[in-house]
C-alpha atoms as a PDB file:
ATOM      1  CA  MET A   1     -21.069 -28.989  29.015  1.00  0.00           C
ATOM      2  CA  LYS A   2     -20.662 -25.866  26.899  1.00  0.00           C
ATOM      3  CA  GLU A   3     -23.241 -23.049  26.844  1.00  0.00           C
ATOM      4  CA  LYS A   4     -25.469 -22.639  23.846  1.00  0.00           C
ATOM      5  CA  SER A   5     -29.181 -21.986  24.006  1.00  0.00           C
ATOM      6  CA  PRO A   6     -31.042 -22.686  27.279  1.00  0.00           C
ATOM      7  CA  ALA A   7     -33.376 -24.826  25.185  1.00  0.00           C
ATOM      8  CA  VAL A   8     -30.519 -27.108  24.116  1.00  0.00           C
ATOM      9  CA  MET A   9     -28.015 -29.117  26.106  1.00  0.00           C
ATOM     10  CA  ALA A  10     -24.705 -29.434  24.287  1.00  0.00           C
ATOM     11  CA  PHE A  11     -21.757 -31.742  25.207  1.00  0.00           C
ATOM     12  CA  VAL A  12     -18.319 -31.953  23.604  1.00  0.00           C
ATOM     13  CA  VAL A  13     -16.822 -35.442  23.496  1.00  0.00           C
ATOM     14  CA  SER A  14     -13.496 -35.627  25.312  1.00  0.00           C
ATOM     15  CA  LYS A  15     -10.490 -37.799  24.479  1.00  0.00           C
ATOM     16  CA  VAL A  16     -11.480 -40.239  27.251  1.00  0.00           C
ATOM     17  CA  GLU A  17     -15.099 -40.430  25.927  1.00  0.00           C
ATOM     18  CA  SER A  18     -14.022 -41.002  22.324  1.00  0.00           C
ATOM     19  CA  GLY A  19     -15.213 -44.379  21.108  1.00  0.00           C
ATOM     20  CA  GLN A  20     -18.310 -44.468  23.327  1.00  0.00           C
ATOM     21  CA  SER A  21     -21.649 -45.204  21.717  1.00  0.00           C
ATOM     22  CA  ILE A  22     -24.118 -42.341  21.690  1.00  0.00           C
ATOM     23  CA  GLN A  23     -26.352 -44.465  23.954  1.00  0.00           C
ATOM     24  CA  VAL A  24     -23.679 -44.889  26.647  1.00  0.00           C
ATOM     25  CA  PHE A  25     -22.563 -41.261  26.288  1.00  0.00           C
ATOM     26  CA  LEU A  26     -26.098 -39.877  26.831  1.00  0.00           C
ATOM     27  CA  SER A  27     -26.814 -42.283  29.669  1.00  0.00           C
ATOM     28  CA  LEU A  28     -23.738 -40.979  31.558  1.00  0.00           C
ATOM     29  CA  LYS A  29     -24.120 -37.312  30.686  1.00  0.00           C
ATOM     30  CA  LEU A  30     -27.857 -37.117  31.452  1.00  0.00           C
ATOM     31  CA  SER A  31     -27.849 -39.618  34.343  1.00  0.00           C
ATOM     32  CA  ILE A  32     -30.560 -41.675  32.684  1.00  0.00           C
ATOM     33  CA  SER A  33     -30.837 -45.370  31.918  1.00  0.00           C
ATOM     34  CA  LYS A  34     -29.463 -46.863  28.726  1.00  0.00           C
ATOM     35  CA  ARG A  35     -32.973 -47.681  27.682  1.00  0.00           C
ATOM     36  CA  ALA A  36     -34.010 -44.021  28.122  1.00  0.00           C
ATOM     37  CA  ALA A  37     -30.950 -42.967  26.106  1.00  0.00           C
ATOM     38  CA  LYS A  38     -31.951 -45.327  23.342  1.00  0.00           C
ATOM     39  CA  ASN A  39     -35.472 -43.870  23.423  1.00  0.00           C
ATOM     40  CA  LEU A  40     -33.981 -40.453  22.732  1.00  0.00           C
ATOM     41  CA  CYS A  41     -32.223 -41.890  19.687  1.00  0.00           C
ATOM     42  CA  ASP A  42     -35.391 -43.648  18.552  1.00  0.00           C
ATOM     43  CA  ASP A  43     -37.272 -40.373  18.820  1.00  0.00           C
ATOM     44  CA  LYS A  44     -34.655 -38.685  16.626  1.00  0.00           C
ATOM     45  CA  VAL A  45     -34.012 -35.783  18.972  1.00  0.00           C
ATOM     46  CA  VAL A  46     -30.280 -36.354  19.212  1.00  0.00           C
ATOM     47  CA  TRP A  47     -27.834 -34.323  17.082  1.00  0.00           C
ATOM     48  CA  VAL A  48     -24.152 -34.950  16.509  1.00  0.00           C
ATOM     49  CA  ASN A  49     -22.338 -32.076  14.828  1.00  0.00           C
ATOM     50  CA  ARG A  50     -25.809 -30.751  13.913  1.00  0.00           C
ATOM     51  CA  ARG A  51     -26.732 -33.955  12.084  1.00  0.00           C
ATOM     52  CA  SER A  52     -29.647 -36.049  13.301  1.00  0.00           C
ATOM     53  CA  VAL A  53     -28.366 -39.378  14.672  1.00  0.00           C
ATOM     54  CA  TRP A  54     -30.797 -42.122  15.589  1.00  0.00           C
ATOM     55  CA  MET A  55     -28.565 -45.260  15.776  1.00  0.00           C
ATOM     56  CA  ALA A  56     -27.902 -45.946  19.458  1.00  0.00           C
ATOM     57  CA  HIS A  57     -24.622 -47.705  18.693  1.00  0.00           C
ATOM     58  CA  HIS A  58     -23.243 -44.740  16.696  1.00  0.00           C
ATOM     59  CA  LEU A  59     -19.648 -44.254  17.878  1.00  0.00           C
ATOM     60  CA  LEU A  60     -18.502 -40.805  18.956  1.00  0.00           C
ATOM     61  CA  HIS A  61     -15.111 -39.197  18.315  1.00  0.00           C
ATOM     62  CA  GLN A  62     -13.110 -36.647  20.242  1.00  0.00           C
ATOM     63  CA  GLY A  63     -14.389 -33.140  19.530  1.00  0.00           C
ATOM     64  CA  ASP A  64     -17.853 -34.206  18.421  1.00  0.00           C
ATOM     65  CA  THR A  65     -20.656 -31.988  19.719  1.00  0.00           C
ATOM     66  CA  VAL A  66     -23.739 -33.852  20.966  1.00  0.00           C
ATOM     67  CA  GLU A  67     -26.959 -31.859  21.419  1.00  0.00           C
ATOM     68  CA  VAL A  68     -30.454 -32.662  22.736  1.00  0.00           C
ATOM     69  CA  PRO A  69     -33.401 -30.419  23.601  1.00  0.00           C
ATOM     70  CA  SER A  70     -33.446 -29.570  27.304  1.00  0.00           C
ATOM     71  CA  SER A  71     -37.106 -30.572  27.420  1.00  0.00           C
ATOM     72  CA  VAL A  72     -36.410 -34.235  26.671  1.00  0.00           C
ATOM     73  CA  LYS A  73     -33.826 -34.983  29.352  1.00  0.00           C
ATOM     74  CA  SER A  74     -36.097 -37.479  31.093  1.00  0.00           C
ATOM     75  CA  LYS A  75     -37.799 -38.834  28.020  1.00  0.00           C
ATOM     76  CA  GLY A  76     -38.076 -42.596  28.229  1.00  0.00           C
ATOM     77  CA  GLU A  77     -37.984 -42.692  32.007  1.00  0.00           C
ATOM     78  CA  ALA A  78     -41.087 -43.348  34.087  1.00  0.00           C
ATOM     79  CA  ALA A  79     -43.481 -40.437  33.563  1.00  0.00           C
ATOM     80  CA  PRO A  80     -46.606 -39.320  35.390  1.00  0.00           C
ATOM     81  CA  LYS A  81     -49.767 -41.140  34.202  1.00  0.00           C
ATOM     82  CA  ALA A  82     -51.196 -39.319  31.202  1.00  0.00           C
ATOM     83  CA  LYS A  83     -54.537 -37.571  31.384  1.00  0.00           C
ATOM     84  CA  VAL A  84     -56.407 -36.897  28.149  1.00  0.00           C
ATOM     85  CA  ARG A  85     -58.812 -33.990  27.847  1.00  0.00           C
ATOM     86  CA  VAL A  86     -62.209 -34.641  26.217  1.00  0.00           C
ATOM     87  CA  LEU A  87     -63.294 -31.854  23.827  1.00  0.00           C
ATOM     88  CA  ILE A  88     -66.871 -32.946  23.177  1.00  0.00           C
ATOM     89  CA  GLU A  89     -68.988 -35.971  24.116  1.00  0.00           C
ATOM     90  CA  ASP A  90     -72.443 -37.429  23.538  1.00  0.00           C
ATOM     91  CA  ASP A  91     -74.089 -40.815  23.995  1.00  0.00           C
ATOM     92  CA  PHE A  92     -72.183 -42.389  21.061  1.00  0.00           C
ATOM     93  CA  TYR A  93     -68.823 -40.601  20.684  1.00  0.00           C
ATOM     94  CA  LEU A  94     -66.232 -38.409  22.229  1.00  0.00           C
ATOM     95  CA  VAL A  95     -63.466 -36.374  20.673  1.00  0.00           C
ATOM     96  CA  ALA A  96     -60.231 -36.456  22.606  1.00  0.00           C
ATOM     97  CA  ASP A  97     -57.594 -33.735  22.610  1.00  0.00           C
ATOM     98  CA  LYS A  98     -54.697 -36.074  21.905  1.00  0.00           C
ATOM     99  CA  PRO A  99     -51.381 -35.063  23.505  1.00  0.00           C
ATOM    100  CA  SER A 100     -48.017 -35.743  21.876  1.00  0.00           C
ATOM    101  CA  GLY A 101     -46.141 -38.847  22.968  1.00  0.00           C
ATOM    102  CA  LEU A 102     -49.163 -41.145  23.001  1.00  0.00           C
ATOM    103  CA  ILE A 103     -50.146 -43.490  20.194  1.00  0.00           C
ATOM    104  CA  SER A 104     -53.810 -43.621  19.203  1.00  0.00           C
ATOM    105  CA  VAL A 105     -54.530 -47.338  19.749  1.00  0.00           C
ATOM    106  CA  GLY A 106     -52.853 -50.263  21.453  1.00  0.00           C
ATOM    107  CA  GLU A 107     -50.995 -50.586  24.730  1.00  0.00           C
ATOM    108  CA  ASN A 108     -50.479 -47.254  26.606  1.00  0.00           C
ATOM    109  CA  SER A 109     -52.492 -45.345  24.011  1.00  0.00           C
ATOM    110  CA  VAL A 110     -55.138 -42.617  24.045  1.00  0.00           C
ATOM    111  CA  GLU A 111     -57.683 -45.432  23.710  1.00  0.00           C
ATOM    112  CA  THR A 112     -56.483 -47.265  26.848  1.00  0.00           C
ATOM    113  CA  VAL A 113     -55.921 -44.109  28.885  1.00  0.00           C
ATOM    114  CA  LEU A 114     -59.464 -42.919  28.177  1.00  0.00           C
ATOM    115  CA  ARG A 115     -60.946 -46.345  28.967  1.00  0.00           C
ATOM    116  CA  GLU A 116     -59.453 -46.149  32.382  1.00  0.00           C
ATOM    117  CA  GLN A 117     -60.106 -42.424  32.815  1.00  0.00           C
ATOM    118  CA  THR A 118     -63.830 -42.609  31.898  1.00  0.00           C
ATOM    119  CA  GLY A 119     -64.663 -46.159  32.889  1.00  0.00           C
ATOM    120  CA  GLN A 120     -65.978 -46.826  29.363  1.00  0.00           C
ATOM    121  CA  VAL A 121     -64.121 -50.041  28.506  1.00  0.00           C
ATOM    122  CA  THR A 122     -65.621 -50.327  24.963  1.00  0.00           C
ATOM    123  CA  LEU A 123     -64.116 -47.083  23.668  1.00  0.00           C
ATOM    124  CA  GLN A 124     -62.457 -47.436  20.260  1.00  0.00           C
ATOM    125  CA  ALA A 125     -60.498 -44.920  18.211  1.00  0.00           C
ATOM    126  CA  VAL A 126     -62.188 -44.480  14.843  1.00  0.00           C
ATOM    127  CA  HIS A 127     -59.038 -43.150  13.141  1.00  0.00           C
ATOM    128  CA  ARG A 128     -55.434 -42.567  14.084  1.00  0.00           C
ATOM    129  CA  LEU A 129     -53.011 -39.748  14.576  1.00  0.00           C
ATOM    130  CA  ASP A 130     -49.237 -40.182  14.602  1.00  0.00           C
ATOM    131  CA  ARG A 131     -47.746 -40.463  18.081  1.00  0.00           C
ATOM    132  CA  ASP A 132     -46.405 -36.910  18.128  1.00  0.00           C
ATOM    133  CA  THR A 133     -49.295 -35.306  16.292  1.00  0.00           C
ATOM    134  CA  THR A 134     -51.683 -33.530  18.679  1.00  0.00           C
ATOM    135  CA  GLY A 135     -55.382 -32.673  18.499  1.00  0.00           C
ATOM    136  CA  CYS A 136     -58.779 -34.051  17.605  1.00  0.00           C
ATOM    137  CA  LEU A 137     -59.209 -37.815  17.759  1.00  0.00           C
ATOM    138  CA  LEU A 138     -62.652 -39.419  17.451  1.00  0.00           C
ATOM    139  CA  LEU A 139     -63.528 -42.416  19.643  1.00  0.00           C
ATOM    140  CA  ALA A 140     -66.711 -44.485  19.523  1.00  0.00           C
ATOM    141  CA  LYS A 141     -68.425 -45.752  22.695  1.00  0.00           C
ATOM    142  CA  ASN A 142     -69.827 -48.979  21.262  1.00  0.00           C
ATOM    143  CA  ALA A 143     -69.414 -51.364  18.322  1.00  0.00           C
ATOM    144  CA  ALA A 144     -72.403 -49.985  16.374  1.00  0.00           C
ATOM    145  CA  ALA A 145     -71.165 -46.397  16.670  1.00  0.00           C
ATOM    146  CA  PHE A 146     -67.638 -47.495  15.679  1.00  0.00           C
ATOM    147  CA  ALA A 147     -68.818 -49.351  12.539  1.00  0.00           C
ATOM    148  CA  ALA A 148     -71.035 -46.397  11.488  1.00  0.00           C
ATOM    149  CA  ALA A 149     -68.185 -43.928  11.907  1.00  0.00           C
ATOM    150  CA  VAL A 150     -65.674 -46.075  10.036  1.00  0.00           C
ATOM    151  CA  ALA A 151     -68.119 -46.381   7.146  1.00  0.00           C
ATOM    152  CA  LEU A 152     -68.600 -42.609   7.119  1.00  0.00           C
ATOM    153  CA  PHE A 153     -64.859 -41.966   7.039  1.00  0.00           C
ATOM    154  CA  LYS A 154     -64.637 -44.045   3.853  1.00  0.00           C
ATOM    155  CA  THR A 155     -67.143 -41.717   2.122  1.00  0.00           C
ATOM    156  CA  ARG A 156     -64.829 -38.710   2.473  1.00  0.00           C
ATOM    157  CA  ARG A 157     -67.575 -36.677   4.131  1.00  0.00           C
ATOM    158  CA  VAL A 158     -65.311 -35.957   7.094  1.00  0.00           C
ATOM    159  CA  SER A 159     -63.582 -32.560   7.282  1.00  0.00           C
ATOM    160  CA  LYS A 160     -60.190 -32.728   8.955  1.00  0.00           C
ATOM    161  CA  THR A 161     -58.233 -29.542   9.520  1.00  0.00           C
ATOM    162  CA  TYR A 162     -54.573 -29.456  10.601  1.00  0.00           C
ATOM    163  CA  GLN A 163     -52.124 -26.742  11.427  1.00  0.00           C
ATOM    164  CA  ALA A 164     -48.442 -27.010  10.725  1.00  0.00           C
ATOM    165  CA  ILE A 165     -45.257 -25.025  11.172  1.00  0.00           C
ATOM    166  CA  VAL A 166     -42.977 -25.691   8.200  1.00  0.00           C
ATOM    167  CA  SER A 167     -39.487 -24.766   7.072  1.00  0.00           C
ATOM    168  CA  GLY A 168     -39.023 -21.816   4.716  1.00  0.00           C
ATOM    169  CA  LYS A 169     -41.237 -19.135   3.267  1.00  0.00           C
ATOM    170  CA  PHE A 170     -44.424 -20.514   1.750  1.00  0.00           C
ATOM    171  CA  ASP A 171     -44.785 -18.126  -1.189  1.00  0.00           C
ATOM    172  CA  ARG A 172     -48.447 -18.757  -2.130  1.00  0.00           C
ATOM    173  CA  SER A 173     -51.497 -17.808  -0.056  1.00  0.00           C
ATOM    174  CA  ALA A 174     -53.122 -21.116  -1.018  1.00  0.00           C
ATOM    175  CA  SER A 175     -52.092 -24.277  -2.872  1.00  0.00           C
ATOM    176  CA  THR A 176     -53.177 -27.887  -3.432  1.00  0.00           C
ATOM    177  CA  VAL A 177     -50.954 -30.925  -3.514  1.00  0.00           C
ATOM    178  CA  ASP A 178     -52.512 -33.745  -5.538  1.00  0.00           C
ATOM    179  CA  GLN A 179     -49.867 -36.413  -5.436  1.00  0.00           C
ATOM    180  CA  GLU A 180     -50.124 -40.197  -5.109  1.00  0.00           C
ATOM    181  CA  LEU A 181     -48.788 -41.827  -1.970  1.00  0.00           C
ATOM    182  CA  ASP A 182     -48.191 -45.579  -1.909  1.00  0.00           C
ATOM    183  CA  GLY A 183     -50.067 -45.926  -5.204  1.00  0.00           C
ATOM    184  CA  GLU A 184     -53.182 -44.193  -3.901  1.00  0.00           C
ATOM    185  CA  ARG A 185     -54.511 -40.704  -4.693  1.00  0.00           C
ATOM    186  CA  ALA A 186     -53.804 -38.198  -1.933  1.00  0.00           C
ATOM    187  CA  VAL A 187     -54.979 -34.554  -1.850  1.00  0.00           C
ATOM    188  CA  SER A 188     -53.972 -31.865   0.590  1.00  0.00           C
ATOM    189  CA  HIS A 189     -55.292 -28.241   0.447  1.00  0.00           C
ATOM    190  CA  ILE A 190     -52.864 -25.738   1.962  1.00  0.00           C
ATOM    191  CA  GLN A 191     -53.565 -22.216   3.173  1.00  0.00           C
ATOM    192  CA  ARG A 192     -50.883 -19.833   4.533  1.00  0.00           C
ATOM    193  CA  GLU A 193     -51.684 -18.392   7.930  1.00  0.00           C
ATOM    194  CA  ALA A 194     -48.433 -16.493   8.660  1.00  0.00           C
ATOM    195  CA  VAL A 195     -44.891 -16.339   7.415  1.00  0.00           C
ATOM    196  CA  SER A 196     -41.512 -15.237   8.729  1.00  0.00           C
ATOM    197  CA  LYS A 197     -37.986 -15.158   7.388  1.00  0.00           C
ATOM    198  CA  ASP A 198     -37.302 -18.867   7.990  1.00  0.00           C
ATOM    199  CA  ALA A 199     -40.642 -20.595   8.550  1.00  0.00           C
ATOM    200  CA  SER A 200     -44.345 -20.612   7.711  1.00  0.00           C
ATOM    201  CA  PHE A 201     -47.526 -21.348   9.626  1.00  0.00           C
ATOM    202  CA  LEU A 202     -50.033 -23.297   7.529  1.00  0.00           C
ATOM    203  CA  LYS A 203     -53.558 -24.644   7.671  1.00  0.00           C
ATOM    204  CA  VAL A 204     -54.038 -27.901   5.825  1.00  0.00           C
ATOM    205  CA  LYS A 205     -57.276 -29.700   4.938  1.00  0.00           C
ATOM    206  CA  ILE A 206     -57.060 -33.231   3.561  1.00  0.00           C
ATOM    207  CA  GLU A 207     -59.483 -35.019   1.271  1.00  0.00           C
ATOM    208  CA  THR A 208     -57.760 -38.397   1.840  1.00  0.00           C
ATOM    209  CA  GLY A 209     -56.054 -39.959   4.836  1.00  0.00           C
ATOM    210  CA  ARG A 210     -52.910 -41.694   3.605  1.00  0.00           C
ATOM    211  CA  THR A 211     -50.123 -42.637   6.029  1.00  0.00           C
ATOM    212  CA  HIS A 212     -48.158 -39.513   6.990  1.00  0.00           C
ATOM    213  CA  GLN A 213     -49.944 -37.695   4.151  1.00  0.00           C
ATOM    214  CA  ILE A 214     -49.435 -34.089   5.267  1.00  0.00           C
ATOM    215  CA  ARG A 215     -45.819 -34.642   6.380  1.00  0.00           C
ATOM    216  CA  ARG A 216     -44.974 -36.351   3.080  1.00  0.00           C
ATOM    217  CA  HIS A 217     -46.750 -33.862   0.892  1.00  0.00           C
ATOM    218  CA  LEU A 218     -45.159 -30.873   2.605  1.00  0.00           C
ATOM    219  CA  ALA A 219     -41.693 -32.465   2.418  1.00  0.00           C
ATOM    220  CA  SER A 220     -42.245 -33.130  -1.287  1.00  0.00           C
ATOM    221  CA  ILE A 221     -42.665 -29.407  -1.979  1.00  0.00           C
ATOM    222  CA  ARG A 222     -39.572 -28.594   0.116  1.00  0.00           C
ATOM    223  CA  HIS A 223     -41.465 -27.245   3.090  1.00  0.00           C
ATOM    224  CA  PRO A 224     -41.073 -30.084   5.623  1.00  0.00           C
ATOM    225  CA  VAL A 225     -42.794 -29.858   8.967  1.00  0.00           C
ATOM    226  CA  LEU A 226     -40.440 -28.458  11.589  1.00  0.00           C
ATOM    227  CA  GLY A 227     -39.251 -31.174  13.971  1.00  0.00           C
ATOM    228  CA  ASP A 228     -39.981 -33.952  11.452  1.00  0.00           C
ATOM    229  CA  ARG A 229     -36.882 -36.200  11.681  1.00  0.00           C
ATOM    230  CA  GLU A 230     -38.329 -38.751   9.225  1.00  0.00           C
ATOM    231  CA  TYR A 231     -39.252 -36.582   6.247  1.00  0.00           C
ATOM    232  CA  GLY A 232     -37.554 -33.302   7.213  1.00  0.00           C
ATOM    233  CA  PHE A 233     -33.976 -32.020   6.952  1.00  0.00           C
ATOM    234  CA  LYS A 234     -31.344 -34.186   8.627  1.00  0.00           C
ATOM    235  CA  LEU A 235     -28.852 -31.316   9.040  1.00  0.00           C
ATOM    236  CA  ALA A 236     -29.714 -28.479  11.431  1.00  0.00           C
ATOM    237  CA  ARG A 237     -28.137 -25.456   9.829  1.00  0.00           C
ATOM    238  CA  ASP A 238     -30.430 -23.380  11.968  1.00  0.00           C
ATOM    239  CA  PRO A 239     -29.714 -24.202  15.683  1.00  0.00           C
ATOM    240  CA  ARG A 240     -33.353 -23.478  16.573  1.00  0.00           C
ATOM    241  CA  LEU A 241     -34.290 -26.750  14.841  1.00  0.00           C
ATOM    242  CA  MET A 242     -32.521 -28.751  17.606  1.00  0.00           C
ATOM    243  CA  THR A 243     -34.787 -27.267  20.275  1.00  0.00           C
ATOM    244  CA  ILE A 244     -37.997 -28.704  18.678  1.00  0.00           C
ATOM    245  CA  PRO A 245     -38.783 -32.032  20.418  1.00  0.00           C
ATOM    246  CA  ARG A 246     -41.459 -33.266  17.971  1.00  0.00           C
ATOM    247  CA  HIS A 247     -42.952 -32.510  14.569  1.00  0.00           C
ATOM    248  CA  MET A 248     -45.139 -29.375  14.632  1.00  0.00           C
ATOM    249  CA  LEU A 249     -48.407 -30.841  13.299  1.00  0.00           C
ATOM    250  CA  HIS A 250     -51.708 -30.308  15.088  1.00  0.00           C
ATOM    251  CA  ALA A 251     -55.151 -31.735  14.217  1.00  0.00           C
ATOM    252  CA  SER A 252     -57.091 -28.612  15.078  1.00  0.00           C
ATOM    253  CA  GLY A 253     -60.513 -29.362  13.675  1.00  0.00           C
ATOM    254  CA  LEU A 254     -62.843 -32.292  13.023  1.00  0.00           C
ATOM    255  CA  GLU A 255     -66.345 -32.039  11.558  1.00  0.00           C
ATOM    256  CA  LEU A 256     -68.616 -34.812  10.173  1.00  0.00           C
ATOM    257  CA  PRO A 257     -72.269 -35.712   9.830  1.00  0.00           C
ATOM    258  CA  HIS A 258     -73.284 -37.560  13.002  1.00  0.00           C
ATOM    259  CA  PRO A 259     -73.081 -41.274  12.061  1.00  0.00           C
ATOM    260  CA  MET A 260     -75.846 -42.256  14.531  1.00  0.00           C
ATOM    261  CA  LEU A 261     -78.101 -39.181  14.561  1.00  0.00           C
ATOM    262  CA  PRO A 262     -79.282 -38.162  11.047  1.00  0.00           C
ATOM    263  CA  GLY A 263     -79.331 -34.377  10.576  1.00  0.00           C
ATOM    264  CA  LYS A 264     -76.886 -33.777  13.404  1.00  0.00           C
ATOM    265  CA  THR A 265     -73.225 -32.766  13.076  1.00  0.00           C
ATOM    266  CA  LEU A 266     -70.209 -33.704  15.173  1.00  0.00           C
ATOM    267  CA  LYS A 267     -67.824 -30.776  15.358  1.00  0.00           C
ATOM    268  CA  ALA A 268     -64.725 -30.281  17.577  1.00  0.00           C
ATOM    269  CA  HIS A 269     -61.863 -27.829  17.805  1.00  0.00           C
ATOM    270  CA  SER A 270     -58.567 -28.220  19.616  1.00  0.00           C
ATOM    271  CA  PRO A 271     -56.561 -25.132  20.535  1.00  0.00           C
ATOM    272  CA  LEU A 272     -52.856 -25.000  19.752  1.00  0.00           C
ATOM    273  CA  PRO A 273     -50.765 -26.769  22.405  1.00  0.00           C
ATOM    274  CA  ALA A 274     -48.132 -24.912  24.378  1.00  0.00           C
ATOM    275  CA  ASP A 275     -45.089 -26.377  22.543  1.00  0.00           C
ATOM    276  CA  PHE A 276     -46.685 -25.396  19.205  1.00  0.00           C
ATOM    277  CA  ARG A 277     -47.164 -21.826  20.419  1.00  0.00           C
ATOM    278  CA  ARG A 278     -43.583 -21.716  21.663  1.00  0.00           C
ATOM    279  CA  CYS A 279     -42.398 -22.796  18.234  1.00  0.00           C
ATOM    280  CA  LEU A 280     -44.440 -20.076  16.543  1.00  0.00           C
ATOM    281  CA  LYS A 281     -42.852 -17.557  18.886  1.00  0.00           C
ATOM    282  CA  LEU A 282     -39.368 -18.985  18.273  1.00  0.00           C
ATOM    283  CA  PHE A 283     -39.798 -18.425  14.563  1.00  0.00           C
ATOM    284  CA  GLU A 284     -41.334 -14.943  15.025  1.00  0.00           C
ATOM    285  CA  MET A 285     -44.909 -15.851  14.144  1.00  0.00           C
ATOM    286  CA  GLY A 286     -46.492 -15.792  17.587  1.00  0.00           C
ATOM    287  CA  LYS A 287     -46.833 -13.532  20.649  1.00  0.00           C
END
């Protein structure tokens, strides 16, 4: 292994290793299972010659440099059981502080973790966040509360605030992207919070909730979210990009009229997670 940044593990493919698949190579180098190595590829945190590679059967050649963030060495192996923090709670709802790496609903999700953690087996997530997006996620405690919240979300009376770290200098203090996604209107309001030489820290409020809306809108104006392997840059000209294990998008605020208590408001705030703060510091926008 050759030395680079302590946040990145870098390996040079030898003559003997030439012809190995990236899955086999990572399994041997990191002493992890082939399944765990494939998970790293699926998560798009593997770089070959600074290009993102996600096909597990990709064949390596002598002299190739393979890099992965140090923080994901054990990704895909058995992990400690997740615990999800609850930000606010009443008789009808709770707002979870969703961690990265968990889906919102389904098997091994925020929904199932909280059902076991709280003993409330009827909990249902009212909306969804991408697996690696962190922050405020609303869950209903019973069917009536769930139906009322879903109906309210359709009226666009829900205020959702996100924070994102994006590539490049965002020149304007504020901007709006009004651009259709999948044939549907999608609106994102962007406000600049901080800027450095190579990246920007943004606050984004969305009027609509299309799939991957913020990530797609920001990529469309050439400011993709850092760590976004799906809509972001596939070539890491800046080696710092290889140290970011997920996309830097955080659902920091949620506010809506209480669906079950007229005149009341549900409001929650999620502080920036540690990896987000580290990324701000890495790009000279944090302490």
